[in-house]
Protein backbone atom coordinates (compact mmCIF):
# COMPACT_ATOMS: atom_id res chain seq x y z
CA MET A 1 25.78 8.05 -105.78
CA LYS A 2 22.75 7.94 -107.78
CA ASN A 3 20.60 7.47 -104.76
CA LYS A 4 22.17 10.44 -103.19
CA ILE A 5 21.44 12.62 -106.24
CA ILE A 6 17.79 11.52 -105.97
CA ILE A 7 17.53 12.37 -102.29
CA ILE A 8 18.91 15.89 -102.98
CA LEU A 9 16.43 16.50 -105.71
CA LEU A 10 13.51 15.41 -103.58
CA ILE A 11 14.60 17.78 -100.73
CA THR A 12 15.07 20.62 -103.28
CA LEU A 13 11.53 20.02 -104.80
CA GLN A 14 10.02 19.97 -101.42
CA THR A 15 11.63 23.33 -100.68
CA VAL A 16 10.45 24.84 -103.86
CA PHE A 17 6.79 23.75 -103.40
CA ALA A 18 6.81 24.68 -99.81
CA GLN A 19 7.51 28.35 -100.44
CA LYS A 20 5.13 30.85 -101.99
CA LYS A 21 5.13 30.92 -105.74
CA ASP A 22 7.62 33.58 -106.82
CA GLU A 23 7.73 34.21 -110.45
CA ASN A 24 11.05 36.00 -110.15
CA ILE A 25 13.03 33.05 -108.71
CA GLY A 26 16.07 32.32 -110.65
CA THR A 27 17.67 29.15 -111.80
CA GLU A 28 20.62 27.39 -110.22
CA VAL A 29 23.09 24.93 -111.80
CA VAL A 30 24.43 22.10 -109.66
CA ASN A 31 27.59 20.56 -110.82
CA ILE A 32 28.50 17.14 -109.32
CA VAL A 33 32.21 16.74 -109.30
CA LYS A 34 32.73 13.35 -107.46
CA PRO A 35 32.94 10.46 -110.03
CA TYR A 36 30.55 7.50 -109.74
CA SER A 37 31.80 4.53 -107.75
CA PRO A 38 29.56 1.41 -107.80
CA THR A 39 29.56 -1.16 -104.85
CA VAL A 40 28.21 -4.53 -104.30
CA SER A 41 26.29 -5.39 -101.22
CA ASP A 42 26.89 -8.57 -99.06
CA ALA A 43 24.79 -11.52 -100.08
CA ASN A 44 22.90 -13.60 -97.49
CA LYS A 45 21.95 -17.17 -98.00
CA ILE A 46 18.27 -17.93 -97.32
CA LYS A 47 18.01 -20.69 -94.69
CA GLU A 48 15.05 -22.91 -95.21
CA VAL A 49 14.29 -26.40 -94.31
CA PRO A 50 11.85 -28.15 -96.77
CA THR A 51 9.11 -30.32 -95.49
CA LEU A 52 8.47 -33.77 -97.12
CA ASP A 53 5.24 -35.78 -96.69
CA ASP A 54 6.81 -39.34 -96.61
CA ALA A 55 3.54 -40.92 -95.74
CA GLU A 56 2.41 -40.04 -99.19
CA ILE A 57 5.70 -40.59 -101.00
CA ASN A 58 6.82 -43.95 -99.50
CA LYS A 59 4.10 -46.05 -97.89
CA LYS A 60 5.20 -48.93 -95.37
CA GLU A 61 4.17 -52.29 -96.57
CA THR A 62 2.37 -54.46 -93.96
CA VAL A 63 4.39 -57.54 -93.18
CA LYS A 64 2.64 -60.74 -91.94
CA TYR A 65 4.76 -63.71 -90.42
CA GLN A 66 4.07 -66.85 -88.40
CA ILE A 67 6.37 -69.05 -86.05
CA PHE A 68 5.97 -72.71 -86.21
CA SER A 69 7.25 -74.00 -82.66
CA PHE A 70 7.98 -77.81 -81.94
CA PRO A 71 9.20 -79.53 -78.71
CA VAL A 72 12.81 -80.22 -78.14
CA ALA A 73 13.90 -83.02 -75.68
CA SER A 74 16.26 -81.90 -72.82
CA THR A 75 17.54 -83.73 -69.74
CA PHE A 76 19.15 -80.53 -68.06
CA THR A 77 17.69 -79.39 -64.68
CA PRO A 78 19.15 -76.32 -63.13
CA SER A 79 19.98 -76.85 -59.42
CA LYS A 80 18.40 -74.50 -56.81
CA GLY A 81 20.58 -71.96 -54.87
CA LYS A 82 21.59 -73.04 -51.36
CA ALA A 83 22.76 -70.99 -48.54
CA ALA A 84 26.28 -71.62 -47.23
CA GLY A 85 26.24 -73.71 -44.00
CA VAL A 86 27.37 -72.12 -40.69
CA ASP A 87 28.89 -74.28 -37.91
CA LYS A 88 26.95 -73.42 -34.72
CA ALA A 89 28.46 -74.22 -31.38
CA LYS A 90 26.30 -76.63 -29.39
CA GLN A 91 24.56 -74.56 -26.68
CA GLU A 92 25.64 -75.55 -23.26
CA ARG A 93 22.90 -76.88 -21.11
CA LEU A 94 22.06 -74.97 -17.96
CA PHE A 95 21.35 -76.70 -14.76
CA SER A 96 19.63 -75.36 -11.65
CA ASN A 97 21.71 -77.15 -9.11
CA TYR A 98 25.34 -78.29 -8.48
CA LEU A 99 27.43 -80.05 -5.91
CA THR A 100 31.25 -79.48 -5.56
CA LEU A 101 33.66 -81.44 -3.39
CA GLY A 102 37.46 -81.17 -3.07
CA PHE A 103 40.27 -82.66 -0.89
CA GLY A 104 43.88 -81.64 -0.49
CA ASN A 105 46.91 -81.79 1.73
CA TYR A 106 46.86 -80.21 5.09
CA ALA A 107 43.70 -82.37 5.42
CA THR A 108 41.79 -79.60 3.41
CA LEU A 109 38.14 -80.02 2.62
CA ASN A 110 36.01 -77.92 0.34
CA ALA A 111 32.41 -78.49 -0.27
CA GLU A 112 29.60 -76.55 -1.89
CA LEU A 113 26.04 -77.41 -2.65
CA PHE A 114 23.55 -75.11 -4.39
CA VAL A 115 19.83 -76.06 -5.13
CA THR A 116 17.02 -73.86 -6.54
CA HIS A 117 13.36 -74.58 -7.42
CA GLU A 118 10.84 -72.43 -9.52
CA LEU A 119 7.55 -72.02 -7.61
CA ASP A 120 6.03 -70.51 -10.76
CA LYS A 121 7.15 -68.48 -13.79
CA TYR A 122 7.56 -65.45 -11.50
CA GLN A 123 8.99 -66.90 -8.21
CA TYR A 124 11.83 -69.10 -7.19
CA VAL A 125 13.57 -70.31 -3.91
CA GLY A 126 17.09 -71.69 -3.27
CA ALA A 127 19.51 -72.74 -0.71
CA MET A 128 23.36 -72.88 -0.54
CA LEU A 129 25.69 -74.73 1.87
CA ARG A 130 29.43 -74.02 1.95
CA HIS A 131 32.31 -75.54 3.93
CA GLN A 132 36.01 -75.02 3.95
CA SER A 133 38.46 -76.36 6.40
CA SER A 134 42.03 -77.31 7.12
CA GLN A 135 43.69 -79.19 9.91
CA GLY A 136 46.74 -77.07 9.81
CA GLY A 137 50.24 -78.31 10.01
CA ILE A 138 52.21 -75.18 9.28
CA LYS A 139 56.00 -75.69 9.78
CA GLY A 140 57.35 -74.07 12.93
CA VAL A 141 54.10 -73.23 14.55
CA VAL A 142 53.58 -74.48 18.13
CA LEU A 143 49.94 -73.74 18.63
CA ASP A 144 46.94 -75.23 16.97
CA ASP A 145 46.59 -73.61 13.54
CA LYS A 146 43.50 -75.33 11.97
CA PHE A 147 40.61 -73.35 10.70
CA ALA A 148 36.97 -74.06 9.52
CA GLU A 149 34.24 -72.02 7.81
CA THR A 150 30.68 -73.27 7.29
CA ALA A 151 27.83 -71.24 5.85
CA ALA A 152 24.22 -71.86 5.04
CA ASP A 153 21.88 -69.38 3.03
CA VAL A 154 18.22 -69.62 1.87
CA LEU A 155 16.87 -67.24 -0.71
CA TYR A 156 13.60 -66.14 -2.43
CA GLY A 157 13.20 -64.12 -5.59
CA TYR A 158 10.26 -62.60 -7.45
CA GLN A 159 10.24 -60.89 -10.78
CA ARG A 160 7.32 -59.68 -12.83
CA LYS A 161 7.25 -56.90 -15.41
CA ASP A 162 8.89 -53.87 -13.82
CA THR A 163 9.11 -55.26 -10.37
CA LYS A 164 11.89 -57.37 -8.79
CA PHE A 165 12.30 -58.58 -5.28
CA SER A 166 14.78 -60.72 -3.55
CA ALA A 167 15.41 -61.75 0.00
CA ASN A 168 18.00 -63.83 1.72
CA LEU A 169 18.68 -65.32 5.16
CA GLY A 170 22.27 -66.63 6.00
CA TYR A 171 24.36 -68.04 8.92
CA LYS A 172 28.14 -68.50 8.91
CA ARG A 173 30.30 -69.94 11.57
CA GLU A 174 34.04 -69.49 11.52
CA GLY A 175 36.71 -71.09 13.67
CA TYR A 176 40.25 -69.79 13.78
CA ASN A 177 43.23 -69.97 16.22
CA TRP A 178 45.53 -67.33 17.58
CA TYR A 179 48.66 -69.46 16.70
CA GLY A 180 51.07 -66.48 15.87
CA VAL A 181 53.10 -66.30 19.14
CA PRO A 182 56.53 -64.35 18.81
CA LEU A 183 58.93 -67.34 19.06
CA ASP A 184 61.88 -65.04 17.97
CA ASN A 185 61.27 -62.48 20.79
CA THR A 186 63.90 -62.82 23.70
CA ASN A 187 61.19 -62.23 26.25
CA PHE A 188 58.87 -64.90 25.09
CA ASN A 189 58.61 -67.91 27.41
CA LEU A 190 57.64 -70.96 25.42
CA ASN A 191 56.56 -72.78 28.52
CA SER A 192 53.91 -70.10 29.29
CA ILE A 193 51.68 -71.41 26.42
CA THR A 194 51.21 -74.97 27.55
CA ASN A 195 47.78 -74.25 28.77
CA VAL A 196 46.79 -71.78 26.10
CA ASN A 197 43.67 -72.53 24.14
CA PRO A 198 43.92 -70.17 21.02
CA ASN A 199 40.59 -71.14 19.43
CA HIS A 200 38.11 -68.41 18.77
CA GLN A 201 34.85 -68.33 16.77
CA TYR A 202 32.72 -65.90 14.84
CA ASN A 203 29.17 -66.23 14.20
CA THR A 204 27.18 -64.26 11.69
CA ILE A 205 23.41 -63.92 11.05
CA ASN A 206 22.46 -61.98 7.88
CA LEU A 207 19.03 -61.05 6.71
CA GLY A 208 18.72 -58.89 3.57
CA SER A 209 16.36 -57.91 0.86
CA GLU A 210 16.14 -55.72 -2.21
CA LEU A 211 13.31 -54.24 -4.17
CA THR A 212 13.61 -52.79 -7.57
CA ILE A 213 10.96 -50.90 -9.53
CA ASN A 214 11.60 -49.71 -13.03
CA ASP A 215 9.73 -46.76 -14.75
CA SER A 216 9.22 -45.15 -11.38
CA PHE A 217 10.44 -42.34 -9.37
CA PHE A 218 11.26 -45.02 -6.80
CA ASN A 219 14.20 -46.96 -8.10
CA LYS A 220 15.52 -49.33 -5.44
CA LEU A 221 15.17 -50.10 -1.71
CA ASN A 222 17.81 -52.15 0.29
CA LEU A 223 17.33 -53.54 3.67
CA ASN A 224 19.97 -55.49 5.69
CA PHE A 225 20.44 -56.71 9.37
CA ILE A 226 23.62 -58.34 10.53
CA SER A 227 24.21 -59.82 13.87
CA PHE A 228 27.75 -60.61 14.56
CA SER A 229 29.30 -62.23 17.75
CA ASP A 230 32.19 -64.35 19.03
CA ASN A 231 32.85 -66.89 21.88
CA TYR A 232 34.08 -64.21 24.07
CA ASN A 233 30.77 -62.59 24.61
CA SER A 234 31.26 -59.84 22.09
CA LYS A 235 28.02 -58.75 20.28
CA GLU A 236 27.43 -56.40 17.42
CA ASN A 237 24.02 -55.65 15.58
CA ARG A 238 23.80 -53.37 12.56
CA PHE A 239 20.74 -52.29 10.62
CA MET A 240 20.94 -50.57 7.25
CA ILE A 241 18.23 -49.00 4.97
CA LYS A 242 19.08 -47.65 1.62
CA PRO A 243 16.27 -46.08 -0.57
CA ASP A 244 16.99 -44.72 -3.98
CA PHE A 245 14.80 -42.12 -5.81
CA THR A 246 14.74 -40.15 -9.07
CA PHE A 247 12.80 -36.85 -9.27
CA ASP A 248 12.19 -35.09 -12.61
CA PHE A 249 12.11 -31.37 -12.80
CA GLY A 250 11.47 -30.34 -16.37
CA ASP A 251 14.32 -31.55 -18.48
CA THR A 252 16.61 -32.35 -15.34
CA SER A 253 16.60 -35.45 -13.33
CA VAL A 254 17.79 -35.37 -9.77
CA LYS A 255 18.86 -38.68 -8.17
CA THR A 256 18.60 -38.87 -4.56
CA LYS A 257 19.95 -41.58 -2.30
CA PHE A 258 19.13 -41.90 1.48
CA GLY A 259 20.91 -43.97 3.99
CA VAL A 260 20.32 -45.04 7.55
CA ASP A 261 23.17 -47.04 9.19
CA TYR A 262 22.81 -47.87 12.92
CA LEU A 263 25.44 -49.96 14.74
CA ILE A 264 25.56 -51.22 18.26
CA SER A 265 28.66 -53.10 19.41
CA GLU A 266 29.69 -54.41 22.81
CA PHE A 267 32.91 -56.13 24.19
CA ASP A 268 33.32 -57.57 27.65
CA THR A 269 36.65 -56.06 28.26
CA THR A 270 39.56 -53.86 26.97
CA TYR A 271 42.88 -55.39 26.25
CA LEU A 272 44.41 -56.47 29.66
CA THR A 273 48.15 -56.50 29.96
CA ASN A 274 48.38 -58.16 33.24
CA ILE A 275 46.30 -61.12 34.85
CA SER A 276 45.78 -59.05 37.94
CA GLN A 277 43.41 -56.79 35.89
CA VAL A 278 41.01 -59.63 35.18
CA GLY A 279 37.66 -59.06 36.80
CA THR A 280 37.72 -55.23 36.68
CA ASN A 281 34.88 -53.28 34.92
CA SER A 282 36.51 -52.66 31.67
CA ASN A 283 33.80 -53.20 29.16
CA ILE A 284 33.42 -51.39 25.79
CA LYS A 285 29.99 -50.25 24.39
CA THR A 286 29.48 -48.06 21.29
CA SER A 287 26.19 -47.06 19.59
CA ASN A 288 26.71 -45.12 16.21
CA LEU A 289 23.92 -43.83 13.84
CA ILE A 290 24.81 -42.41 10.50
CA PHE A 291 21.92 -40.71 8.40
CA ASN A 292 22.84 -39.33 4.98
CA ILE A 293 21.17 -37.69 1.98
CA ASN A 294 23.03 -37.75 -1.38
CA PRO A 295 21.31 -35.67 -4.10
CA SER A 296 22.92 -35.45 -7.44
CA PHE A 297 22.20 -34.51 -11.08
CA GLN A 298 23.93 -35.23 -14.40
CA LEU A 299 24.77 -32.86 -17.12
CA LEU A 300 25.37 -34.22 -20.54
CA LYS A 301 26.83 -32.31 -23.68
CA ASP A 302 28.35 -33.90 -26.60
CA ASP A 303 31.21 -36.06 -25.23
CA LEU A 304 31.25 -34.48 -21.75
CA SER A 305 29.36 -36.09 -18.80
CA VAL A 306 29.35 -34.37 -15.37
CA GLU A 307 27.66 -35.59 -12.20
CA ILE A 308 27.34 -33.04 -9.58
CA GLY A 309 26.11 -33.74 -6.09
CA ALA A 310 26.85 -33.65 -2.32
CA ASP A 311 26.52 -36.05 0.67
CA VAL A 312 24.92 -34.54 3.72
CA VAL A 313 25.54 -36.58 6.76
CA PHE A 314 24.19 -36.53 10.35
CA PHE A 315 26.22 -38.63 12.90
CA SER A 316 25.03 -39.40 16.40
CA ARG A 317 26.89 -41.43 18.97
CA ALA A 318 24.42 -42.31 21.74
CA LYS A 319 26.60 -44.47 23.66
CA ASP A 320 30.37 -44.41 24.20
CA VAL A 321 31.66 -46.42 27.06
CA PHE A 322 35.41 -47.49 27.22
CA ALA A 323 36.96 -49.36 30.12
CA GLY A 324 33.89 -48.93 32.10
CA VAL A 325 33.88 -45.05 31.72
CA ASP A 326 30.81 -43.43 29.95
CA TYR A 327 32.08 -40.57 27.76
CA GLY A 328 28.54 -39.46 26.94
CA SER A 329 26.87 -38.66 23.51
CA GLU A 330 27.82 -36.51 20.62
CA THR A 331 26.46 -35.39 17.38
CA SER A 332 27.98 -34.11 14.24
CA PHE A 333 27.18 -32.81 10.79
CA PHE A 334 29.34 -33.45 7.62
CA ILE A 335 28.93 -32.15 3.98
CA TYR A 336 31.02 -34.02 1.38
CA PRO A 337 31.57 -33.32 -2.25
CA LYS A 338 30.34 -35.72 -4.91
CA ILE A 339 31.53 -34.70 -8.37
CA ASN A 340 32.37 -37.06 -11.31
CA ALA A 341 33.19 -36.08 -14.79
CA SER A 342 34.34 -37.80 -17.86
CA TYR A 343 35.24 -36.66 -21.32
CA LYS A 344 35.75 -38.79 -24.52
CA VAL A 345 38.92 -37.51 -25.91
CA VAL A 346 39.09 -40.04 -28.74
CA GLY A 347 35.79 -41.82 -28.67
CA ASP A 348 35.91 -45.06 -26.63
CA LEU A 349 39.63 -45.28 -27.17
CA MET A 350 40.63 -42.53 -24.56
CA ILE A 351 38.16 -41.26 -22.01
CA ALA A 352 39.49 -38.85 -19.43
CA PHE A 353 37.79 -38.87 -15.99
CA GLY A 354 38.19 -37.22 -12.59
CA GLY A 355 36.21 -36.10 -9.58
CA ILE A 356 36.21 -35.66 -5.95
CA GLU A 357 34.27 -37.44 -3.35
CA GLY A 358 34.07 -37.89 0.48
CA LYS A 359 31.99 -40.01 2.91
CA LEU A 360 31.63 -41.09 6.51
CA ILE A 361 32.45 -44.83 6.72
CA GLN A 362 30.70 -46.99 9.36
CA ASN A 363 33.41 -49.36 10.61
CA SER A 364 32.32 -52.54 12.38
CA TYR A 365 33.62 -55.59 14.20
CA ALA A 366 32.32 -57.86 11.35
CA ASP A 367 34.16 -55.88 8.69
CA PHE A 368 37.43 -55.84 10.53
CA ALA A 369 37.28 -59.61 11.13
CA ASN A 370 36.58 -60.06 7.59
CA VAL A 371 40.02 -58.67 6.87
CA ASN A 372 42.05 -59.98 9.85
CA LYS A 373 40.82 -63.25 11.48
CA PHE A 374 43.14 -62.79 14.53
CA LEU A 375 41.67 -59.79 16.25
CA SER A 376 41.34 -59.69 20.00
CA PRO A 377 37.71 -59.10 21.20
CA THR A 378 38.76 -55.67 22.72
CA LEU A 379 38.02 -53.21 19.93
CA SER A 380 36.74 -49.65 20.04
CA ILE A 381 34.63 -49.10 17.08
CA ASN A 382 34.86 -45.59 15.47
CA PRO A 383 33.82 -44.30 12.04
CA THR A 384 36.17 -43.06 9.51
CA ASP A 385 35.88 -39.65 8.24
CA GLN A 386 36.92 -39.69 4.56
CA GLN A 387 37.18 -35.85 4.05
CA TYR A 388 38.01 -36.12 0.35
CA ASP A 389 39.27 -38.46 -2.39
CA LEU A 390 40.54 -36.41 -5.34
CA PHE A 391 41.13 -38.63 -8.46
CA ALA A 392 41.77 -38.18 -12.15
CA GLY A 393 42.73 -40.72 -14.87
CA LEU A 394 42.38 -42.20 -18.35
CA ARG A 395 40.62 -45.33 -19.54
CA GLY A 396 39.81 -46.76 -22.91
CA LYS A 397 41.07 -49.33 -25.48
CA LEU A 398 44.42 -49.72 -26.99
CA ALA A 399 42.81 -52.20 -29.37
CA SER A 400 39.42 -53.86 -29.78
CA SER A 401 40.51 -56.53 -27.30
CA LEU A 402 42.80 -54.58 -25.02
CA ALA A 403 41.41 -52.16 -22.41
CA TYR A 404 43.41 -50.09 -19.97
CA ASN A 405 42.73 -47.93 -16.86
CA LEU A 406 45.13 -45.35 -15.26
CA LYS A 407 44.20 -43.60 -12.20
CA ALA A 408 45.93 -41.14 -9.59
CA SER A 409 44.31 -40.17 -6.35
CA TYR A 410 45.01 -38.19 -3.21
CA ASN A 411 42.96 -39.21 -0.10
CA ALA A 412 42.76 -37.51 3.20
CA SER A 413 41.00 -39.56 5.99
CA LYS A 414 40.49 -38.99 9.77
CA ASP A 415 40.27 -41.85 12.14
CA LYS A 416 41.48 -44.35 9.52
CA ALA A 417 41.63 -47.89 11.04
CA LEU A 418 44.92 -49.67 11.02
CA PHE A 419 45.78 -53.20 12.39
CA LYS A 420 48.51 -53.39 15.08
CA THR A 421 49.90 -56.27 17.11
CA ASN A 422 48.87 -56.37 20.72
CA ALA A 423 51.50 -56.18 23.42
CA LEU A 424 53.26 -59.24 25.16
CA SER A 425 52.77 -59.32 28.80
CA GLN A 426 54.77 -60.90 31.55
CA SER A 427 51.76 -62.37 32.99
CA PRO A 428 49.18 -62.69 30.08
CA ALA A 429 45.60 -62.35 30.99
CA ASN A 430 43.82 -64.29 28.13
CA ASN A 431 44.47 -66.76 25.35
CA TYR A 432 45.08 -63.71 22.96
CA SER A 433 47.54 -61.83 25.31
CA TYR A 434 50.79 -63.52 24.22
CA GLY A 435 51.53 -61.04 21.47
CA ASN A 436 49.40 -63.39 19.16
CA SER A 437 46.50 -60.96 18.41
CA PHE A 438 45.79 -57.64 16.78
CA ASN A 439 44.07 -54.52 17.95
CA VAL A 440 42.61 -51.54 15.81
CA VAL A 441 44.18 -48.03 16.08
CA TYR A 442 42.99 -44.83 14.51
CA ASP A 443 45.07 -42.26 12.92
CA ASN A 444 44.74 -39.32 10.35
CA VAL A 445 46.26 -40.70 7.14
CA LYS A 446 46.81 -38.97 3.79
CA THR A 447 47.40 -41.34 0.72
CA LEU A 448 48.84 -40.60 -2.66
CA SER A 449 48.05 -43.53 -4.88
CA PHE A 450 48.78 -44.58 -8.51
CA PHE A 451 46.95 -47.37 -10.10
CA GLY A 452 47.28 -49.15 -13.61
CA GLU A 453 45.42 -51.88 -15.19
CA LEU A 454 45.35 -53.74 -18.47
CA LYS A 455 42.76 -56.40 -19.62
CA ALA A 456 43.03 -58.40 -22.77
CA ASP A 457 40.58 -60.76 -24.33
CA VAL A 458 43.07 -62.38 -26.90
CA ASN A 459 40.24 -64.50 -28.33
CA LYS A 460 37.27 -66.33 -27.07
CA ASN A 461 39.65 -68.83 -25.31
CA ILE A 462 42.22 -66.63 -23.83
CA SER A 463 41.91 -63.73 -21.44
CA LEU A 464 44.65 -61.89 -19.51
CA GLY A 465 44.71 -59.27 -16.68
CA LEU A 466 47.49 -57.12 -15.09
CA ASN A 467 47.25 -54.48 -12.42
CA ALA A 468 49.58 -52.75 -10.15
CA GLU A 469 49.26 -50.14 -7.49
CA TYR A 470 51.51 -47.90 -5.50
CA ASN A 471 50.68 -46.07 -2.27
CA ASN A 472 52.50 -43.48 -0.32
CA TYR A 473 51.04 -42.91 3.18
CA GLY A 474 51.50 -39.96 5.52
CA THR A 475 50.47 -40.53 9.18
CA ASP A 476 49.71 -38.07 12.02
CA LEU A 477 49.99 -39.99 15.28
CA GLU A 478 51.35 -43.40 14.40
CA ALA A 479 55.05 -43.97 13.47
CA GLU A 480 53.98 -46.05 10.42
CA PRO A 481 50.81 -46.96 8.44
CA TRP A 482 50.66 -50.37 10.06
CA ASN A 483 50.20 -53.36 7.91
CA LEU A 484 49.46 -51.25 4.81
CA PRO A 485 51.86 -52.25 1.80
CA ALA A 486 53.30 -49.60 -0.47
CA VAL A 487 53.11 -51.90 -3.56
CA LYS A 488 50.62 -54.46 -4.72
CA ALA A 489 50.34 -56.19 -8.06
CA SER A 490 48.50 -59.13 -9.68
CA PHE A 491 48.46 -61.03 -12.94
CA THR A 492 45.61 -63.39 -14.00
CA THR A 493 45.17 -65.80 -16.87
CA ASP A 494 42.26 -67.76 -18.22
CA PHE A 495 42.33 -70.34 -20.97
CA ASN A 496 39.91 -72.71 -22.68
CA ILE A 497 41.74 -75.56 -24.31
CA GLY A 498 39.35 -77.09 -26.87
CA THR A 499 35.92 -77.98 -25.63
CA LYS A 500 36.91 -80.26 -22.71
CA TRP A 501 39.82 -78.60 -20.77
CA TYR A 502 40.24 -75.10 -19.10
CA ALA A 503 42.91 -73.54 -16.98
CA GLY A 504 44.04 -70.43 -15.34
CA SER A 505 46.52 -68.93 -12.93
CA GLN A 506 46.87 -65.98 -10.49
CA ILE A 507 50.01 -64.42 -9.32
CA PHE A 508 49.95 -61.97 -6.51
CA TYR A 509 52.71 -59.64 -5.27
CA VAL A 510 52.43 -57.72 -1.90
CA GLY A 511 55.18 -55.34 -0.85
CA GLU A 512 56.76 -54.80 2.59
CA ARG A 513 54.50 -53.86 5.49
CA LYS A 514 55.37 -52.38 8.90
CA ASP A 515 54.15 -53.58 12.35
CA GLN A 516 55.09 -52.63 15.89
CA PHE A 517 55.67 -55.22 18.54
CA THR A 518 55.46 -54.08 22.22
CA ASN A 519 56.71 -55.97 25.24
CA PHE A 520 54.75 -54.76 28.19
CA GLY A 521 56.58 -54.87 31.57
CA PHE A 522 59.88 -56.03 30.22
CA THR A 523 63.09 -53.99 30.83
CA SER A 524 64.65 -55.10 27.61
CA ASN A 525 63.32 -55.21 24.00
CA THR A 526 60.32 -53.17 24.92
CA ASP A 527 59.22 -51.68 21.57
CA SER A 528 60.37 -52.46 17.96
CA VAL A 529 59.14 -51.64 14.53
CA GLN A 530 58.92 -54.88 12.58
CA THR A 531 59.29 -55.33 8.89
CA LEU A 532 57.25 -57.98 7.10
CA ASP A 533 58.93 -59.13 3.91
CA SER A 534 57.23 -58.88 0.52
CA TYR A 535 56.01 -61.92 -1.00
CA PHE A 536 54.73 -63.68 -4.24
CA ASP A 537 51.71 -66.00 -4.13
CA ILE A 538 51.28 -68.13 -7.08
CA ASN A 539 47.89 -70.00 -7.65
CA ALA A 540 46.76 -72.14 -10.51
CA HIS A 541 43.91 -74.48 -11.58
CA ILE A 542 43.11 -76.84 -14.34
CA GLY A 543 39.79 -78.64 -15.19
CA TYR A 544 38.41 -81.27 -17.49
CA LYS A 545 34.71 -81.37 -18.58
CA TYR A 546 33.93 -85.09 -18.77
CA ASN A 547 30.39 -84.25 -19.97
CA GLU A 548 27.88 -81.51 -19.56
CA ARG A 549 27.23 -82.55 -15.82
CA LEU A 550 30.66 -83.64 -14.52
CA THR A 551 33.69 -81.69 -14.32
CA ALA A 552 37.05 -82.67 -12.45
CA PHE A 553 39.57 -80.12 -11.36
CA LEU A 554 42.91 -79.59 -9.70
CA LYS A 555 43.83 -76.57 -7.82
CA GLY A 556 47.23 -75.36 -6.51
CA ASN A 557 47.85 -72.48 -3.96
CA ASN A 558 51.07 -70.94 -3.00
CA LEU A 559 52.86 -73.11 -5.46
CA ALA A 560 56.16 -71.26 -4.88
CA ASN A 561 56.05 -72.85 -1.43
CA GLN A 562 56.83 -69.68 0.36
CA THR A 563 56.45 -69.52 4.14
CA TYR A 564 55.63 -65.82 4.11
CA ASN A 565 53.87 -63.99 6.98
CA ARG A 566 50.72 -62.52 6.09
CA TRP A 567 50.60 -60.85 9.53
CA LEU A 568 53.28 -60.61 12.01
CA ASN A 569 54.19 -63.92 13.41
CA TYR A 570 51.50 -65.56 11.26
CA PRO A 571 53.23 -67.82 8.55
CA VAL A 572 50.89 -69.30 5.88
CA GLN A 573 50.64 -72.81 4.77
CA GLY A 574 53.11 -73.98 2.02
CA ALA A 575 52.19 -75.39 -1.26
CA GLN A 576 48.58 -76.62 -1.26
CA VAL A 577 47.06 -78.99 -3.87
CA ILE A 578 43.31 -79.77 -3.97
CA LEU A 579 41.65 -82.41 -6.20
CA GLY A 580 37.92 -82.41 -6.74
CA ALA A 581 34.90 -82.65 -8.96
CA SER A 582 31.72 -80.69 -9.60
CA TYR A 583 28.46 -82.26 -10.68
CA LYS A 584 25.41 -80.24 -12.12
CA PHE A 585 21.87 -81.68 -11.97
CA ASP A 586 18.26 -81.03 -11.95
CA PHE A 587 15.35 -82.27 -9.89
């Protein structure tokens, strides 16, 4: 209050002195009515940290000390650290050469010799001899049923830096017998075969080479020449060349495969149903040329891989003579899709794949005889137009050691080759005219197929494999898809028993097949569709490694002793056992 009074007085005085001096100004009395009320202001503690000069107040004393050391006797010596030992398997010695011999029932003989020699660190040469034979003895067979196969090959190899080259020259001679006469047929006369010589032979000369160059637009070149003939004056020559290139266009690589496949085949005669036809001009000559270009490129994005391409084919038949009649020449163009895609659904555990492909297949007498050894030398050779093969499936791993593969496909082929039994004649013209040989017929076939496979490596000593396939065929001209089974399956096992023993087995199942048997010139039982029963074939082997060089083995085939028919009227040998040994060596 006192302060307020002082402020008021100062303002008043300022006003008085600020105005002009007026002697007539009056006086004024100011009465303060409010009583005085004293107050106490808040007190604030002064925060201040004092500073002390300890260096001056308390000086540190300098301390001096000495250590008197003396030796102490000790016999303790720490051991050095040592890595834990790892048991290493002894590395098996590799040998450059081996010899295998085996003998079994049915007078079976198996022999194989392979030798190789290094010319220098870049080149080598080698040779192989193989022989397999049996003297026959199938129960119920009246004609000779023995067979023999002998082959010899020489090879040369060169490899240096990015270049690899190999060449081989081989010869193979095969001898078989048309022993499958229709004994159950009512029109078959057993006395008619007393002078039959069912033996026939195949001869093959093969010359091939392969050149591979890495880090170049030129990838690979394959050259092959095959000369195939039999002892009935049938001849076939085939020449194939397949170069492979990769061309880079910016970030895109285009793979381009070329192919030239030229085939000339000649047979002395068609299939004669009567001996009176012998001597007529009935030869067969075919000359087929297939030239194709297959460009493709690949697209990769994350887990998706797609290969897109096409196969452009030019086909020329320069010669087509059947039964002495020349049908002239023809040319055709084909364009087939080549699309393959895969997608990793769950990494490597599940990969979905699919695509569509087509191709023109060059059929040959040599390829047919490799499947069926009992063909008559009277074939017409045509290519197969596989218009498309549409497929999709899944593959991957169910576990680290268990892989699977599932596939479904739909195939459409024109002129698909089918094996069919030749007709039985009243007066057979040749040794193969007794209903004991096979011909090749062609038909348009559509096939729906399902395939499944499992492979397991249980451990390093045990591996298993299982696969099964189902096919549904639709034919156009023929009544049945001759000799094509609807169901096929197999189961394989391989074991290592310790370091000395090993064993394995193979079980095959083939479902029913159909064939047609024709009686030519007979009034009864002329044509009939025959059903070949399904069969199991159980094979097994066991071996003992006496040392790193010598191994003994025991093999068994058809251990269930089934006398099933592989082809119509062609039963197989029963249980077969082969005992043998293999010896490895170096020069």
